[in-house]
């Protein structure tokens, strides 16, 4: 994945590019942040961390986690918009997903469904309003004849 594509909202991104970002960048950062936050919650006996009770080092870890979450959120927006473009959808649909993310009860199930659907549905196979097709014969998990290119999610 080229470095410049991290900040580009125009164009299209296929399933391979999307999953590379999710598995190589997004998931490790979120798992690390989750681990640190779980450690801090266990150490201080609450999910509501109070800065006055925390040591300076723990506050630094907490701030580092906050910066990491902001960074991964900002970096995930362009690839998500380009993936939506590949599905011939406007990038403004991302606002709906972010809005649904604010509903605490629905947060995890909806985000998991969104990521899996975004990663499984094949994009449009020809030119669409967002650009030319980014897929090749060897693209998307095994090529045209690959087993993962068959099934209910394939057009």
Protein backbone atom coordinates (compact mmCIF):
# COMPACT_ATOMS: atom_id res chain seq x y z
CA UNK A 1 0.00 0.00 0.00
CA UNK A 2 1.58 3.24 -1.07
CA UNK A 3 2.11 5.92 1.55
CA UNK A 4 0.31 8.68 -0.37
CA UNK A 5 -2.89 6.64 -0.51
CA UNK A 6 -3.30 6.93 3.27
CA UNK A 7 -4.44 10.53 2.84
CA UNK A 8 -6.25 10.37 -0.51
CA UNK A 9 -10.07 10.44 -0.48
CA UNK A 10 -10.53 10.32 -4.26
CA UNK A 11 -10.49 7.15 -6.29
CA UNK A 12 -11.31 3.60 -5.34
CA UNK A 13 -9.90 0.91 -3.04
CA UNK A 14 -10.51 -2.79 -3.58
CA UNK A 15 -11.09 -5.43 -0.91
CA UNK A 16 -7.42 -6.36 -0.72
CA UNK A 17 -6.34 -2.79 0.04
CA UNK A 18 -9.11 -2.46 2.62
CA UNK A 19 -8.21 -5.68 4.45
CA UNK A 20 -4.50 -4.87 4.38
CA UNK A 21 -5.21 -1.63 6.16
CA UNK A 22 -7.61 -3.21 8.67
CA UNK A 23 -5.35 -6.16 9.52
CA UNK A 24 -1.93 -4.46 9.38
CA UNK A 25 -2.67 -0.97 10.73
CA UNK A 26 -6.05 -0.69 12.42
CA UNK A 27 -6.42 -3.95 14.34
CA UNK A 28 -2.95 -4.00 15.99
CA UNK A 29 -3.36 -0.41 17.20
CA UNK A 30 -6.85 -1.06 18.55
CA UNK A 31 -5.78 -4.29 20.25
CA UNK A 32 -2.80 -2.55 21.88
CA UNK A 33 -4.98 0.33 23.08
CA UNK A 34 -7.57 -2.13 24.39
CA UNK A 35 -4.87 -4.01 26.28
CA UNK A 36 -3.49 -0.87 27.90
CA UNK A 37 -6.96 0.37 28.82
CA UNK A 38 -7.87 -3.03 30.29
CA UNK A 39 -4.64 -2.99 32.33
CA UNK A 40 -5.43 0.49 33.66
CA UNK A 41 -9.03 -0.47 34.47
CA UNK A 42 -7.88 -3.57 36.37
CA UNK A 43 -5.11 -1.67 38.16
CA UNK A 44 -7.45 1.05 39.40
CA UNK A 45 -10.49 -1.19 39.85
CA UNK A 46 -12.86 0.73 37.64
CA UNK A 47 -13.75 1.42 34.07
CA UNK A 48 -14.01 5.11 34.99
CA UNK A 49 -10.41 6.18 35.30
CA UNK A 50 -9.79 9.26 37.44
CA UNK A 51 -6.60 11.17 36.63
CA UNK A 52 -6.03 12.22 40.26
CA UNK A 53 -5.70 8.54 41.28
CA UNK A 54 -3.35 7.62 38.43
CA UNK A 55 0.43 7.78 38.46
CA UNK A 56 2.20 10.04 35.98
CA UNK A 57 3.28 7.05 33.87
CA UNK A 58 -0.28 5.74 33.70
CA UNK A 59 -1.56 9.15 32.63
CA UNK A 60 1.08 9.14 29.88
CA UNK A 61 -0.08 5.68 28.73
CA UNK A 62 -3.68 6.89 28.75
CA UNK A 63 -2.79 9.97 26.66
CA UNK A 64 -0.77 7.83 24.24
CA UNK A 65 -3.81 5.58 23.79
CA UNK A 66 -6.03 8.59 23.08
CA UNK A 67 -3.57 9.87 20.46
CA UNK A 68 -3.34 6.39 18.88
CA UNK A 69 -7.13 6.12 18.63
CA UNK A 70 -7.40 9.55 17.01
CA UNK A 71 -4.60 8.63 14.59
CA UNK A 72 -6.15 5.32 13.55
CA UNK A 73 -9.55 7.01 13.13
CA UNK A 74 -8.09 9.72 10.90
CA UNK A 75 -6.10 7.16 8.87
CA UNK A 76 -9.12 4.88 8.41
CA UNK A 77 -11.34 7.58 6.90
CA UNK A 78 -9.65 7.83 3.45
CA UNK A 79 -9.48 4.05 2.89
CA UNK A 80 -13.12 3.69 3.98
CA UNK A 81 -14.25 6.47 1.65
CA UNK A 82 -12.31 4.92 -1.25
CA UNK A 83 -13.82 1.52 -0.43
CA UNK A 84 -17.29 3.07 -0.49
CA UNK A 85 -16.38 4.59 -3.87
CA UNK A 86 -15.48 1.10 -5.14
CA UNK A 87 -18.98 0.00 -4.14
CA UNK A 88 -20.33 3.00 -6.11
CA UNK A 89 -21.46 4.74 -2.93
CA UNK A 90 -20.70 8.28 -1.87
CA UNK A 91 -18.12 8.84 0.85
CA UNK A 92 -20.77 10.76 2.78
CA UNK A 93 -22.14 7.37 3.91
CA UNK A 94 -19.22 7.38 6.34
CA UNK A 95 -21.04 10.09 8.32
CA UNK A 96 -23.95 7.69 8.85
CA UNK A 97 -21.58 5.02 10.14
CA UNK A 98 -19.89 7.51 12.47
CA UNK A 99 -23.31 8.69 13.66
CA UNK A 100 -24.40 5.13 14.43
CA UNK A 101 -21.11 4.71 16.30
CA UNK A 102 -22.36 7.24 18.86
CA UNK A 103 -25.16 4.85 19.94
CA UNK A 104 -23.37 2.82 22.61
CA UNK A 105 -25.63 -0.25 22.48
CA UNK A 106 -25.21 -0.62 18.71
CA UNK A 107 -21.54 0.38 18.47
CA UNK A 108 -19.73 -2.95 18.35
CA UNK A 109 -22.28 -5.06 16.40
CA UNK A 110 -22.84 -2.40 13.73
CA UNK A 111 -19.15 -1.66 13.29
CA UNK A 112 -18.31 -5.36 12.99
CA UNK A 113 -21.06 -5.86 10.43
CA UNK A 114 -19.91 -2.78 8.52
CA UNK A 115 -16.26 -3.87 8.39
CA UNK A 116 -17.12 -7.43 7.33
CA UNK A 117 -19.59 -6.29 4.66
CA UNK A 118 -17.15 -3.66 3.36
CA UNK A 119 -14.47 -6.31 3.15
CA UNK A 120 -16.59 -9.01 1.50
CA UNK A 121 -18.68 -7.29 -1.14
CA UNK A 122 -16.95 -7.05 -4.51
CA UNK A 123 -16.77 -3.55 -5.93
CA UNK A 124 -18.17 -2.55 -9.27
CA UNK A 125 -16.27 -4.37 -12.01
CA UNK A 126 -16.22 -1.50 -14.47
CA UNK A 127 -15.82 2.26 -14.52
CA UNK A 128 -18.14 4.04 -12.09
CA UNK A 129 -18.61 7.70 -11.16
CA UNK A 130 -15.54 7.56 -8.89
CA UNK A 131 -13.03 6.19 -11.37
CA UNK A 132 -11.78 3.11 -13.16
CA UNK A 133 -11.92 -0.39 -11.71
CA UNK A 134 -9.02 -1.10 -9.34
CA UNK A 135 -9.32 -4.88 -9.52
CA UNK A 136 -7.13 -7.17 -11.58
CA UNK A 137 -7.40 -10.83 -12.48
CA UNK A 138 -5.23 -11.79 -9.51
CA UNK A 139 -6.86 -9.34 -7.14
CA UNK A 140 -9.24 -9.93 -4.26
CA UNK A 141 -8.27 -13.14 -2.53
CA UNK A 142 -7.29 -15.61 -5.19
CA UNK A 143 -8.31 -14.10 -8.49
CA UNK A 144 -11.32 -14.61 -10.69
CA UNK A 145 -11.60 -18.34 -10.07
CA UNK A 146 -10.79 -18.19 -6.33
CA UNK A 147 -13.17 -19.85 -3.89
CA UNK A 148 -13.73 -16.62 -1.97
CA UNK A 149 -14.99 -14.91 -5.12
CA UNK A 150 -18.05 -17.12 -5.16
CA UNK A 151 -21.05 -16.97 -2.88
CA UNK A 152 -23.82 -14.64 -1.74
CA UNK A 153 -21.68 -11.49 -1.47
CA UNK A 154 -20.50 -11.57 -5.09
CA UNK A 155 -22.45 -9.80 -7.78
